[in-house]
Amino acid sequence: GTVGLNFMPMDSRQRSVEVDGITYEYGRTGNDQPVGSGTAQVMPENGMYMFMGNAQFPLVGDWWIHARITKGNSQADVKFTVYVKPAQ
């Protein structure tokens, strides 16, 4: 099903960082081809900059999420591995 993804950019002191945008793609571990992608929408809240998006994981197992964070002319890439299990 559809899963909500929350991204909260933070600096090394665990303070929220304002960025221009976050895009992401995701796929099965062991395969470099993404099965989905999206653009996270900013939800500023209490001085924190949280970005929210959605992903669909049709199979149980290990998945990767590759996020690209942009601010001005700079960008950073972060890759996460998550384990997907059936909803309880």
PDB file of N, CA and C in Angstrom:
ATOM      1  N   GLY A   1       0.817  -1.191   0.000  1.00  0.00           N
ATOM      2  CA  GLY A   1       0.000   0.000   0.000  1.00  0.00           C
ATOM      3  C   GLY A   1       0.849   1.239   0.000  1.00  0.00           C
ATOM      4  N   THR A   2       0.191   2.349   0.181  1.00  0.00           N
ATOM      5  CA  THR A   2       0.870   3.646   0.207  1.00  0.00           C
ATOM      6  C   THR A   2       1.375   3.944   1.614  1.00  0.00           C
ATOM      7  N   VAL A   3       2.613   4.381   1.682  1.00  0.00           N
ATOM      8  CA  VAL A   3       3.268   4.713   2.946  1.00  0.00           C
ATOM      9  C   VAL A   3       3.667   6.183   2.909  1.00  0.00           C
ATOM     10  N   GLY A   4       3.442   6.896   4.006  1.00  0.00           N
ATOM     11  CA  GLY A   4       3.884   8.283   4.105  1.00  0.00           C
ATOM     12  C   GLY A   4       5.355   8.353   4.452  1.00  0.00           C
ATOM     13  N   LEU A   5       6.076   9.216   3.753  1.00  0.00           N
ATOM     14  CA  LEU A   5       7.496   9.448   4.036  1.00  0.00           C
ATOM     15  C   LEU A   5       7.646  10.845   4.618  1.00  0.00           C
ATOM     16  N   ASN A   6       8.372  10.964   5.710  1.00  0.00           N
ATOM     17  CA  ASN A   6       8.644  12.264   6.319  1.00  0.00           C
ATOM     18  C   ASN A   6      10.148  12.502   6.309  1.00  0.00           C
ATOM     19  N   PHE A   7      10.547  13.639   5.764  1.00  0.00           N
ATOM     20  CA  PHE A   7      11.955  14.033   5.722  1.00  0.00           C
ATOM     21  C   PHE A   7      12.103  15.306   6.550  1.00  0.00           C
ATOM     22  N   MET A   8      13.070  15.323   7.481  1.00  0.00           N
ATOM     23  CA  MET A   8      13.322  16.506   8.275  1.00  0.00           C
ATOM     24  C   MET A   8      14.817  16.807   8.233  1.00  0.00           C
ATOM     25  N   PRO A   9      15.231  17.697   7.307  1.00  0.00           N
ATOM     26  CA  PRO A   9      16.661  18.036   7.221  1.00  0.00           C
ATOM     27  C   PRO A   9      17.147  18.694   8.518  1.00  0.00           C
ATOM     28  N   MET A  10      18.290  18.190   9.029  1.00  0.00           N
ATOM     29  CA  MET A  10      18.856  18.724  10.266  1.00  0.00           C
ATOM     30  C   MET A  10      20.359  18.881  10.109  1.00  0.00           C
ATOM     31  N   ASP A  11      20.907  19.843  10.852  1.00  0.00           N
ATOM     32  CA  ASP A  11      22.356  20.016  10.829  1.00  0.00           C
ATOM     33  C   ASP A  11      22.996  19.111  11.874  1.00  0.00           C
ATOM     34  N   SER A  12      24.301  19.217  12.026  1.00  0.00           N
ATOM     35  CA  SER A  12      25.031  18.337  12.946  1.00  0.00           C
ATOM     36  C   SER A  12      24.658  18.563  14.408  1.00  0.00           C
ATOM     37  N   ARG A  13      24.009  19.689  14.694  1.00  0.00           N
ATOM     38  CA  ARG A  13      23.560  19.969  16.067  1.00  0.00           C
ATOM     39  C   ARG A  13      22.087  19.631  16.270  1.00  0.00           C
ATOM     40  N   GLN A  14      21.527  18.879  15.322  1.00  0.00           N
ATOM     41  CA  GLN A  14      20.134  18.441  15.387  1.00  0.00           C
ATOM     42  C   GLN A  14      19.137  19.602  15.337  1.00  0.00           C
ATOM     43  N   ARG A  15      19.510  20.670  14.616  1.00  0.00           N
ATOM     44  CA  ARG A  15      18.610  21.797  14.398  1.00  0.00           C
ATOM     45  C   ARG A  15      18.018  21.690  13.001  1.00  0.00           C
ATOM     46  N   SER A  16      16.744  22.028  12.883  1.00  0.00           N
ATOM     47  CA  SER A  16      16.062  21.986  11.598  1.00  0.00           C
ATOM     48  C   SER A  16      16.725  22.953  10.619  1.00  0.00           C
ATOM     49  N   VAL A  17      16.852  22.519   9.362  1.00  0.00           N
ATOM     50  CA  VAL A  17      17.492  23.318   8.319  1.00  0.00           C
ATOM     51  C   VAL A  17      16.473  23.579   7.218  1.00  0.00           C
ATOM     52  N   GLU A  18      16.355  24.842   6.814  1.00  0.00           N
ATOM     53  CA  GLU A  18      15.458  25.189   5.721  1.00  0.00           C
ATOM     54  C   GLU A  18      16.151  24.884   4.392  1.00  0.00           C
ATOM     55  N   VAL A  19      15.502  24.116   3.541  1.00  0.00           N
ATOM     56  CA  VAL A  19      16.022  23.789   2.214  1.00  0.00           C
ATOM     57  C   VAL A  19      14.959  24.152   1.182  1.00  0.00           C
ATOM     58  N   ASP A  20      15.367  24.205  -0.085  1.00  0.00           N
ATOM     59  CA  ASP A  20      14.430  24.578  -1.147  1.00  0.00           C
ATOM     60  C   ASP A  20      13.525  23.428  -1.570  1.00  0.00           C
ATOM     61  N   GLY A  21      14.027  22.205  -1.513  1.00  0.00           N
ATOM     62  CA  GLY A  21      13.189  21.090  -1.943  1.00  0.00           C
ATOM     63  C   GLY A  21      13.845  19.746  -1.723  1.00  0.00           C
ATOM     64  N   ILE A  22      13.003  18.721  -1.748  1.00  0.00           N
ATOM     65  CA  ILE A  22      13.472  17.339  -1.638  1.00  0.00           C
ATOM     66  C   ILE A  22      12.710  16.504  -2.664  1.00  0.00           C
ATOM     67  N   THR A  23      13.463  15.820  -3.517  1.00  0.00           N
ATOM     68  CA  THR A  23      12.883  14.839  -4.421  1.00  0.00           C
ATOM     69  C   THR A  23      13.424  13.477  -4.001  1.00  0.00           C
ATOM     70  N   TYR A  24      12.716  12.433  -4.365  1.00  0.00           N
ATOM     71  CA  TYR A  24      13.149  11.106  -3.947  1.00  0.00           C
ATOM     72  C   TYR A  24      12.711  10.064  -4.972  1.00  0.00           C
ATOM     73  N   GLU A  25      13.422   8.962  -4.926  1.00  0.00           N
ATOM     74  CA  GLU A  25      13.040   7.781  -5.705  1.00  0.00           C
ATOM     75  C   GLU A  25      13.325   6.579  -4.829  1.00  0.00           C
ATOM     76  N   TYR A  26      12.693   5.458  -5.164  1.00  0.00           N
ATOM     77  CA  TYR A  26      12.847   4.272  -4.327  1.00  0.00           C
ATOM     78  C   TYR A  26      12.751   3.012  -5.172  1.00  0.00           C
ATOM     79  N   GLY A  27      13.377   1.949  -4.657  1.00  0.00           N
ATOM     80  CA  GLY A  27      13.374   0.675  -5.372  1.00  0.00           C
ATOM     81  C   GLY A  27      13.779  -0.459  -4.454  1.00  0.00           C
ATOM     82  N   ARG A  28      13.752  -1.669  -4.997  1.00  0.00           N
ATOM     83  CA  ARG A  28      14.106  -2.857  -4.241  1.00  0.00           C
ATOM     84  C   ARG A  28      15.619  -2.955  -4.084  1.00  0.00           C
ATOM     85  N   THR A  29      16.065  -3.334  -2.908  1.00  0.00           N
ATOM     86  CA  THR A  29      17.486  -3.567  -2.678  1.00  0.00           C
ATOM     87  C   THR A  29      17.956  -4.667  -3.617  1.00  0.00           C
ATOM     88  N   GLY A  30      19.115  -4.460  -4.221  1.00  0.00           N
ATOM     89  CA  GLY A  30      19.656  -5.408  -5.179  1.00  0.00           C
ATOM     90  C   GLY A  30      19.339  -5.034  -6.612  1.00  0.00           C
ATOM     91  N   ASN A  31      18.546  -4.000  -6.805  1.00  0.00           N
ATOM     92  CA  ASN A  31      18.192  -3.524  -8.138  1.00  0.00           C
ATOM     93  C   ASN A  31      18.309  -2.004  -8.140  1.00  0.00           C
ATOM     94  N   ASP A  32      19.135  -1.462  -9.028  1.00  0.00           N
ATOM     95  CA  ASP A  32      19.349  -0.017  -9.061  1.00  0.00           C
ATOM     96  C   ASP A  32      18.226   0.762  -9.732  1.00  0.00           C
ATOM     97  N   GLN A  33      17.298   0.060 -10.386  1.00  0.00           N
ATOM     98  CA  GLN A  33      16.208   0.733 -11.083  1.00  0.00           C
ATOM     99  C   GLN A  33      15.112   1.151 -10.096  1.00  0.00           C
ATOM    100  N   PRO A  34      14.771   2.455 -10.062  1.00  0.00           N
ATOM    101  CA  PRO A  34      13.689   2.886  -9.175  1.00  0.00           C
ATOM    102  C   PRO A  34      12.341   2.368  -9.667  1.00  0.00           C
ATOM    103  N   VAL A  35      11.445   2.096  -8.734  1.00  0.00           N
ATOM    104  CA  VAL A  35      10.076   1.694  -9.084  1.00  0.00           C
ATOM    105  C   VAL A  35       9.100   2.845  -8.866  1.00  0.00           C
ATOM    106  N   GLY A  36       9.566   3.904  -8.212  1.00  0.00           N
ATOM    107  CA  GLY A  36       8.719   5.067  -7.976  1.00  0.00           C
ATOM    108  C   GLY A  36       9.549   6.267  -7.600  1.00  0.00           C
ATOM    109  N   SER A  37       8.922   7.440  -7.654  1.00  0.00           N
ATOM    110  CA  SER A  37       9.611   8.680  -7.304  1.00  0.00           C
ATOM    111  C   SER A  37       8.577   9.718  -6.904  1.00  0.00           C
ATOM    112  N   GLY A  38       9.054  10.810  -6.368  1.00  0.00           N
ATOM    113  CA  GLY A  38       8.137  11.871  -5.980  1.00  0.00           C
ATOM    114  C   GLY A  38       8.869  13.113  -5.551  1.00  0.00           C
ATOM    115  N   THR A  39       8.100  14.138  -5.276  1.00  0.00           N
ATOM    116  CA  THR A  39       8.591  15.397  -4.737  1.00  0.00           C
ATOM    117  C   THR A  39       7.921  15.609  -3.390  1.00  0.00           C
ATOM    118  N   ALA A  40       8.703  15.741  -2.352  1.00  0.00           N
ATOM    119  CA  ALA A  40       8.151  15.948  -1.015  1.00  0.00           C
ATOM    120  C   ALA A  40       7.680  17.394  -0.887  1.00  0.00           C
ATOM    121  N   GLN A  41       6.552  17.563  -0.223  1.00  0.00           N
ATOM    122  CA  GLN A  41       5.972  18.891  -0.013  1.00  0.00           C
ATOM    123  C   GLN A  41       6.352  19.391   1.374  1.00  0.00           C
ATOM    124  N   VAL A  42       6.744  20.660   1.463  1.00  0.00           N
ATOM    125  CA  VAL A  42       7.166  21.220   2.747  1.00  0.00           C
ATOM    126  C   VAL A  42       5.946  21.482   3.632  1.00  0.00           C
ATOM    127  N   MET A  43       6.123  21.175   4.910  1.00  0.00           N
ATOM    128  CA  MET A  43       5.101  21.410   5.921  1.00  0.00           C
ATOM    129  C   MET A  43       5.776  22.108   7.103  1.00  0.00           C
ATOM    130  N   PRO A  44       6.019  23.443   6.994  1.00  0.00           N
ATOM    131  CA  PRO A  44       6.696  24.124   8.111  1.00  0.00           C
ATOM    132  C   PRO A  44       5.817  24.085   9.360  1.00  0.00           C
ATOM    133  N   GLU A  45       6.429  23.702  10.470  1.00  0.00           N
ATOM    134  CA  GLU A  45       5.667  23.532  11.694  1.00  0.00           C
ATOM    135  C   GLU A  45       6.548  23.846  12.892  1.00  0.00           C
ATOM    136  N   ASN A  46       6.156  24.810  13.691  1.00  0.00           N
ATOM    137  CA  ASN A  46       6.890  25.174  14.907  1.00  0.00           C
ATOM    138  C   ASN A  46       8.370  25.431  14.644  1.00  0.00           C
ATOM    139  N   GLY A  47       8.690  26.097  13.545  1.00  0.00           N
ATOM    140  CA  GLY A  47      10.075  26.399  13.228  1.00  0.00           C
ATOM    141  C   GLY A  47      10.851  25.234  12.652  1.00  0.00           C
ATOM    142  N   MET A  48      10.199  24.088  12.479  1.00  0.00           N
ATOM    143  CA  MET A  48      10.837  22.908  11.913  1.00  0.00           C
ATOM    144  C   MET A  48      10.402  22.792  10.454  1.00  0.00           C
ATOM    145  N   TYR A  49      11.283  22.322   9.607  1.00  0.00           N
ATOM    146  CA  TYR A  49      10.961  22.150   8.199  1.00  0.00           C
ATOM    147  C   TYR A  49      10.856  20.667   7.889  1.00  0.00           C
ATOM    148  N   MET A  50       9.620  20.171   7.880  1.00  0.00           N
ATOM    149  CA  MET A  50       9.368  18.781   7.560  1.00  0.00           C
ATOM    150  C   MET A  50       8.808  18.710   6.144  1.00  0.00           C
ATOM    151  N   PHE A  51       9.273  17.734   5.393  1.00  0.00           N
ATOM    152  CA  PHE A  51       8.789  17.495   4.044  1.00  0.00           C
ATOM    153  C   PHE A  51       8.084  16.145   4.040  1.00  0.00           C
ATOM    154  N   MET A  52       6.949  16.082   3.342  1.00  0.00           N
ATOM    155  CA  MET A  52       6.171  14.858   3.325  1.00  0.00           C
ATOM    156  C   MET A  52       5.926  14.394   1.894  1.00  0.00           C
ATOM    157  N   GLY A  53       6.011  13.083   1.699  1.00  0.00           N
ATOM    158  CA  GLY A  53       5.743  12.482   0.402  1.00  0.00           C
ATOM    159  C   GLY A  53       5.139  11.102   0.609  1.00  0.00           C
ATOM    160  N   ASN A  54       4.903  10.389  -0.475  1.00  0.00           N
ATOM    161  CA  ASN A  54       4.307   9.053  -0.412  1.00  0.00           C
ATOM    162  C   ASN A  54       5.105   8.083  -1.276  1.00  0.00           C
ATOM    163  N   ALA A  55       5.072   6.824  -0.884  1.00  0.00           N
ATOM    164  CA  ALA A  55       5.697   5.759  -1.666  1.00  0.00           C
ATOM    165  C   ALA A  55       4.784   4.543  -1.616  1.00  0.00           C
ATOM    166  N   GLN A  56       4.892   3.708  -2.629  1.00  0.00           N
ATOM    167  CA  GLN A  56       4.134   2.454  -2.648  1.00  0.00           C
ATOM    168  C   GLN A  56       5.122   1.293  -2.709  1.00  0.00           C
ATOM    169  N   PHE A  57       5.071   0.457  -1.685  1.00  0.00           N
ATOM    170  CA  PHE A  57       5.936  -0.707  -1.589  1.00  0.00           C
ATOM    171  C   PHE A  57       5.065  -1.952  -1.742  1.00  0.00           C
ATOM    172  N   PRO A  58       5.000  -2.558  -2.926  1.00  0.00           N
ATOM    173  CA  PRO A  58       4.101  -3.687  -3.141  1.00  0.00           C
ATOM    174  C   PRO A  58       4.592  -5.017  -2.570  1.00  0.00           C
ATOM    175  N   LEU A  59       5.864  -5.086  -2.170  1.00  0.00           N
ATOM    176  CA  LEU A  59       6.418  -6.351  -1.679  1.00  0.00           C
ATOM    177  C   LEU A  59       7.124  -6.156  -0.348  1.00  0.00           C
ATOM    178  N   VAL A  60       7.071  -7.187   0.488  1.00  0.00           N
ATOM    179  CA  VAL A  60       7.807  -7.203   1.751  1.00  0.00           C
ATOM    180  C   VAL A  60       9.290  -7.354   1.439  1.00  0.00           C
ATOM    181  N   GLY A  61      10.131  -6.737   2.244  1.00  0.00           N
ATOM    182  CA  GLY A  61      11.574  -6.897   2.091  1.00  0.00           C
ATOM    183  C   GLY A  61      12.318  -5.590   2.201  1.00  0.00           C
ATOM    184  N   ASP A  62      13.589  -5.618   1.812  1.00  0.00           N
ATOM    185  CA  ASP A  62      14.452  -4.444   1.890  1.00  0.00           C
ATOM    186  C   ASP A  62      14.272  -3.559   0.664  1.00  0.00           C
ATOM    187  N   TRP A  63      14.139  -2.263   0.901  1.00  0.00           N
ATOM    188  CA  TRP A  63      13.983  -1.251  -0.143  1.00  0.00           C
ATOM    189  C   TRP A  63      14.966  -0.124   0.128  1.00  0.00           C
ATOM    190  N   TRP A  64      15.342   0.590  -0.923  1.00  0.00           N
ATOM    191  CA  TRP A  64      16.181   1.779  -0.756  1.00  0.00           C
ATOM    192  C   TRP A  64      15.354   3.013  -1.125  1.00  0.00           C
ATOM    193  N   ILE A  65      15.683   4.113  -0.455  1.00  0.00           N
ATOM    194  CA  ILE A  65      15.104   5.420  -0.761  1.00  0.00           C
ATOM    195  C   ILE A  65      16.273   6.367  -0.990  1.00  0.00           C
ATOM    196  N   HIS A  66      16.297   7.018  -2.124  1.00  0.00           N
ATOM    197  CA  HIS A  66      17.347   7.960  -2.482  1.00  0.00           C
ATOM    198  C   HIS A  66      16.720   9.354  -2.494  1.00  0.00           C
ATOM    199  N   ALA A  67      17.135  10.213  -1.579  1.00  0.00           N
ATOM    200  CA  ALA A  67      16.606  11.578  -1.486  1.00  0.00           C
ATOM    201  C   ALA A  67      17.646  12.570  -1.992  1.00  0.00           C
ATOM    202  N   ARG A  68      17.186  13.536  -2.771  1.00  0.00           N
ATOM    203  CA  ARG A  68      18.045  14.624  -3.252  1.00  0.00           C
ATOM    204  C   ARG A  68      17.524  15.924  -2.631  1.00  0.00           C
ATOM    205  N   ILE A  69      18.382  16.566  -1.861  1.00  0.00           N
ATOM    206  CA  ILE A  69      18.030  17.789  -1.145  1.00  0.00           C
ATOM    207  C   ILE A  69      18.700  18.956  -1.850  1.00  0.00           C
ATOM    208  N   THR A  70      17.928  20.002  -2.159  1.00  0.00           N
ATOM    209  CA  THR A  70      18.489  21.166  -2.848  1.00  0.00           C
ATOM    210  C   THR A  70      18.282  22.432  -2.021  1.00  0.00           C
ATOM    211  N   LYS A  71      19.278  23.305  -2.094  1.00  0.00           N
ATOM    212  CA  LYS A  71      19.204  24.634  -1.491  1.00  0.00           C
ATOM    213  C   LYS A  71      20.057  25.547  -2.355  1.00  0.00           C
ATOM    214  N   GLY A  72      19.402  26.487  -3.025  1.00  0.00           N
ATOM    215  CA  GLY A  72      20.129  27.349  -3.954  1.00  0.00           C
ATOM    216  C   GLY A  72      20.740  26.511  -5.057  1.00  0.00           C
ATOM    217  N   ASN A  73      22.027  26.709  -5.304  1.00  0.00           N
ATOM    218  CA  ASN A  73      22.736  25.940  -6.331  1.00  0.00           C
ATOM    219  C   ASN A  73      23.386  24.674  -5.783  1.00  0.00           C
ATOM    220  N   SER A  74      23.176  24.404  -4.498  1.00  0.00           N
ATOM    221  CA  SER A  74      23.786  23.233  -3.869  1.00  0.00           C
ATOM    222  C   SER A  74      22.793  22.089  -3.775  1.00  0.00           C
ATOM    223  N   GLN A  75      23.328  20.874  -3.779  1.00  0.00           N
ATOM    224  CA  GLN A  75      22.475  19.710  -3.573  1.00  0.00           C
ATOM    225  C   GLN A  75      23.258  18.644  -2.819  1.00  0.00           C
ATOM    226  N   ALA A  76      22.517  17.803  -2.143  1.00  0.00           N
ATOM    227  CA  ALA A  76      23.103  16.678  -1.416  1.00  0.00           C
ATOM    228  C   ALA A  76      22.228  15.459  -1.656  1.00  0.00           C
ATOM    229  N   ASP A  77      22.855  14.303  -1.716  1.00  0.00           N
ATOM    230  CA  ASP A  77      22.141  13.049  -1.917  1.00  0.00           C
ATOM    231  C   ASP A  77      22.299  12.183  -0.679  1.00  0.00           C
ATOM    232  N   VAL A  78      21.194  11.569  -0.271  1.00  0.00           N
ATOM    233  CA  VAL A  78      21.200  10.669   0.878  1.00  0.00           C
ATOM    234  C   VAL A  78      20.455   9.409   0.477  1.00  0.00           C
ATOM    235  N   LYS A  79      20.996   8.251   0.859  1.00  0.00           N
ATOM    236  CA  LYS A  79      20.340   6.985   0.537  1.00  0.00           C
ATOM    237  C   LYS A  79      20.054   6.233   1.833  1.00  0.00           C
ATOM    238  N   PHE A  80      18.819   5.778   1.988  1.00  0.00           N
ATOM    239  CA  PHE A  80      18.381   5.029   3.149  1.00  0.00           C
ATOM    240  C   PHE A  80      17.999   3.618   2.713  1.00  0.00           C
ATOM    241  N   THR A  81      18.107   2.672   3.625  1.00  0.00           N
ATOM    242  CA  THR A  81      17.564   1.332   3.416  1.00  0.00           C
ATOM    243  C   THR A  81      16.492   1.117   4.468  1.00  0.00           C
ATOM    244  N   VAL A  82      15.333   0.638   4.028  1.00  0.00           N
ATOM    245  CA  VAL A  82      14.232   0.376   4.955  1.00  0.00           C
ATOM    246  C   VAL A  82      13.728  -1.040   4.736  1.00  0.00           C
ATOM    247  N   TYR A  83      13.204  -1.635   5.787  1.00  0.00           N
ATOM    248  CA  TYR A  83      12.594  -2.958   5.672  1.00  0.00           C
ATOM    249  C   TYR A  83      11.088  -2.770   5.687  1.00  0.00           C
ATOM    250  N   VAL A  84      10.424  -3.280   4.665  1.00  0.00           N
ATOM    251  CA  VAL A  84       8.976  -3.155   4.534  1.00  0.00           C
ATOM    252  C   VAL A  84       8.338  -4.473   4.973  1.00  0.00           C
ATOM    253  N   LYS A  85       7.354  -4.363   5.870  1.00  0.00           N
ATOM    254  CA  LYS A  85       6.619  -5.547   6.313  1.00  0.00           C
ATOM    255  C   LYS A  85       5.127  -5.256   6.196  1.00  0.00           C
ATOM    256  N   PRO A  86       4.293  -6.278   6.221  1.00  0.00           N
ATOM    257  CA  PRO A  86       2.846  -6.067   6.071  1.00  0.00           C
ATOM    258  C   PRO A  86       2.280  -5.207   7.204  1.00  0.00           C
ATOM    259  N   ALA A  87       1.235  -4.447   6.879  1.00  0.00           N
ATOM    260  CA  ALA A  87       0.568  -3.625   7.904  1.00  0.00           C
ATOM    261  C   ALA A  87      -0.065  -4.553   8.937  1.00  0.00           C
ATOM    262  N   GLN A  88      -0.057  -4.128  10.160  1.00  0.00           N
ATOM    263  CA  GLN A  88      -0.640  -4.934  11.259  1.00  0.00           C
ATOM    264  C   GLN A  88      -2.086  -4.566  11.449  1.00  0.00           C
TER     265      GLN A  88
END
